[in-house]
Amino acid sequence: MTEEQKRRARWLDTVKSVLYGMAGHDMARYALKTRGSMEHLFILITMGDLLGVPILPPYYSLRLLPYVVPQISTWKRRMLRERDLTDALA
């Protein structure tokens, strides 16, 4: 590769990064936040009896248990942590 081609490739990468930052970054963050809240809700519905909120019969909870086990400890920590007004603003 010549020096001119390298410079063009760097310039193109810079333009791609700027366009992603302007157009796609907020959408990607929003999608990740939505995914996290949906996972949070799913675990609450399926494993809510761990916190005293029985929603599904235990049979279905046990069927889903192998898929949920890796996330239970972080989910419990998120559910039981103290929250204040500034958490809702974020």
C-alpha atoms as a PDB file:
ATOM      1  CA  MET A   1       0.000   0.000   0.000  1.00  0.00           C
ATOM      2  CA  THR A   2       1.256   3.421  -0.832  1.00  0.00           C
ATOM      3  CA  GLU A   3       1.215   6.324   1.578  1.00  0.00           C
ATOM      4  CA  GLU A   4      -1.676   7.913  -0.324  1.00  0.00           C
ATOM      5  CA  GLN A   5      -3.824   4.766   0.019  1.00  0.00           C
ATOM      6  CA  LYS A   6      -3.081   4.564   3.734  1.00  0.00           C
ATOM      7  CA  ARG A   7      -4.079   8.189   4.190  1.00  0.00           C
ATOM      8  CA  ARG A   8      -7.344   7.613   2.309  1.00  0.00           C
ATOM      9  CA  ALA A   9      -8.115   4.532   4.407  1.00  0.00           C
ATOM     10  CA  ARG A  10      -7.511   6.488   7.646  1.00  0.00           C
ATOM     11  CA  TRP A  11      -9.674   9.344   6.391  1.00  0.00           C
ATOM     12  CA  LEU A  12     -12.456   6.912   5.448  1.00  0.00           C
ATOM     13  CA  ASP A  13     -12.268   5.267   8.897  1.00  0.00           C
ATOM     14  CA  THR A  14     -12.495   8.694  10.512  1.00  0.00           C
ATOM     15  CA  VAL A  15     -15.550   9.616   8.446  1.00  0.00           C
ATOM     16  CA  LYS A  16     -17.203   6.288   9.324  1.00  0.00           C
ATOM     17  CA  SER A  17     -16.556   6.843  13.024  1.00  0.00           C
ATOM     18  CA  VAL A  18     -17.961  10.364  12.927  1.00  0.00           C
ATOM     19  CA  LEU A  19     -21.085   9.267  11.068  1.00  0.00           C
ATOM     20  CA  TYR A  20     -21.628   6.397  13.505  1.00  0.00           C
ATOM     21  CA  GLY A  21     -21.242   8.773  16.425  1.00  0.00           C
ATOM     22  CA  MET A  22     -23.730  11.213  14.920  1.00  0.00           C
ATOM     23  CA  ALA A  23     -26.346   8.728  13.759  1.00  0.00           C
ATOM     24  CA  GLY A  24     -25.958   5.308  15.292  1.00  0.00           C
ATOM     25  CA  HIS A  25     -24.456   5.575  18.744  1.00  0.00           C
ATOM     26  CA  ASP A  26     -27.618   6.746  20.516  1.00  0.00           C
ATOM     27  CA  MET A  27     -29.671   4.044  18.813  1.00  0.00           C
ATOM     28  CA  ALA A  28     -27.178   1.371  19.846  1.00  0.00           C
ATOM     29  CA  ARG A  29     -27.176   2.581  23.469  1.00  0.00           C
ATOM     30  CA  TYR A  30     -30.980   2.698  23.518  1.00  0.00           C
ATOM     31  CA  ALA A  31     -31.184  -0.838  22.086  1.00  0.00           C
ATOM     32  CA  LEU A  32     -28.808  -2.145  24.760  1.00  0.00           C
ATOM     33  CA  LYS A  33     -30.753  -0.381  27.503  1.00  0.00           C
ATOM     34  CA  THR A  34     -34.034  -1.809  26.191  1.00  0.00           C
ATOM     35  CA  ARG A  35     -32.538  -5.283  25.984  1.00  0.00           C
ATOM     36  CA  GLY A  36     -31.340  -5.035  29.574  1.00  0.00           C
ATOM     37  CA  SER A  37     -34.733  -3.940  30.845  1.00  0.00           C
ATOM     38  CA  MET A  38     -36.459  -6.740  28.921  1.00  0.00           C
ATOM     39  CA  GLU A  39     -34.069  -9.316  30.385  1.00  0.00           C
ATOM     40  CA  HIS A  40     -34.690  -7.813  33.809  1.00  0.00           C
ATOM     41  CA  LEU A  41     -38.448  -8.166  33.356  1.00  0.00           C
ATOM     42  CA  PHE A  42     -38.126 -11.719  32.010  1.00  0.00           C
ATOM     43  CA  ILE A  43     -36.133 -12.856  35.017  1.00  0.00           C
ATOM     44  CA  LEU A  44     -38.583 -11.118  37.366  1.00  0.00           C
ATOM     45  CA  ILE A  45     -41.488 -12.950  35.771  1.00  0.00           C
ATOM     46  CA  THR A  46     -39.789 -16.342  35.735  1.00  0.00           C
ATOM     47  CA  MET A  47     -37.794 -16.223  38.979  1.00  0.00           C
ATOM     48  CA  GLY A  48     -39.822 -13.728  40.990  1.00  0.00           C
ATOM     49  CA  ASP A  49     -40.456 -16.288  43.703  1.00  0.00           C
ATOM     50  CA  LEU A  50     -36.818 -15.828  44.775  1.00  0.00           C
ATOM     51  CA  LEU A  51     -37.874 -12.372  45.950  1.00  0.00           C
ATOM     52  CA  GLY A  52     -41.342 -13.379  47.108  1.00  0.00           C
ATOM     53  CA  VAL A  53     -43.245 -12.406  43.965  1.00  0.00           C
ATOM     54  CA  PRO A  54     -44.689 -15.665  42.579  1.00  0.00           C
ATOM     55  CA  ILE A  55     -46.001 -14.983  39.086  1.00  0.00           C
ATOM     56  CA  LEU A  56     -45.440 -18.205  37.131  1.00  0.00           C
ATOM     57  CA  PRO A  57     -46.126 -21.690  38.469  1.00  0.00           C
ATOM     58  CA  PRO A  58     -42.923 -23.373  39.699  1.00  0.00           C
ATOM     59  CA  TYR A  59     -43.031 -25.941  36.893  1.00  0.00           C
ATOM     60  CA  TYR A  60     -42.381 -23.337  34.199  1.00  0.00           C
ATOM     61  CA  SER A  61     -39.779 -21.603  36.321  1.00  0.00           C
ATOM     62  CA  LEU A  62     -37.876 -24.863  36.685  1.00  0.00           C
ATOM     63  CA  ARG A  63     -38.044 -25.472  32.943  1.00  0.00           C
ATOM     64  CA  LEU A  64     -36.430 -22.069  32.314  1.00  0.00           C
ATOM     65  CA  LEU A  65     -33.909 -22.325  35.150  1.00  0.00           C
ATOM     66  CA  PRO A  66     -30.927 -23.549  33.043  1.00  0.00           C
ATOM     67  CA  TYR A  67     -31.183 -20.452  30.839  1.00  0.00           C
ATOM     68  CA  VAL A  68     -31.465 -18.026  33.753  1.00  0.00           C
ATOM     69  CA  VAL A  69     -28.866 -19.360  36.217  1.00  0.00           C
ATOM     70  CA  PRO A  70     -25.893 -17.298  34.888  1.00  0.00           C
ATOM     71  CA  GLN A  71     -27.829 -14.058  35.369  1.00  0.00           C
ATOM     72  CA  ILE A  72     -29.490 -14.670  38.754  1.00  0.00           C
ATOM     73  CA  SER A  73     -26.770 -13.193  40.974  1.00  0.00           C
ATOM     74  CA  THR A  74     -26.522  -9.901  39.070  1.00  0.00           C
ATOM     75  CA  TRP A  75     -30.306  -9.716  38.774  1.00  0.00           C
ATOM     76  CA  LYS A  76     -30.756 -10.106  42.540  1.00  0.00           C
ATOM     77  CA  ARG A  77     -28.145  -7.417  43.142  1.00  0.00           C
ATOM     78  CA  ARG A  78     -29.937  -5.044  40.736  1.00  0.00           C
ATOM     79  CA  MET A  79     -33.344  -5.724  42.275  1.00  0.00           C
ATOM     80  CA  LEU A  80     -32.257  -5.316  45.879  1.00  0.00           C
ATOM     81  CA  ARG A  81     -29.973  -2.290  45.584  1.00  0.00           C
ATOM     82  CA  GLU A  82     -31.087   1.038  46.972  1.00  0.00           C
ATOM     83  CA  ARG A  83     -32.345   3.571  44.468  1.00  0.00           C
ATOM     84  CA  ASP A  84     -32.891   7.288  44.643  1.00  0.00           C
ATOM     85  CA  LEU A  85     -34.226  10.069  42.435  1.00  0.00           C
ATOM     86  CA  THR A  86     -31.040  10.411  40.389  1.00  0.00           C
ATOM     87  CA  ASP A  87     -31.327   6.786  39.171  1.00  0.00           C
ATOM     88  CA  ALA A  88     -34.619   7.610  37.473  1.00  0.00           C
ATOM     89  CA  LEU A  89     -33.084  10.593  35.673  1.00  0.00           C
ATOM     90  CA  ALA A  90     -30.326   8.582  33.979  1.00  0.00           C
END
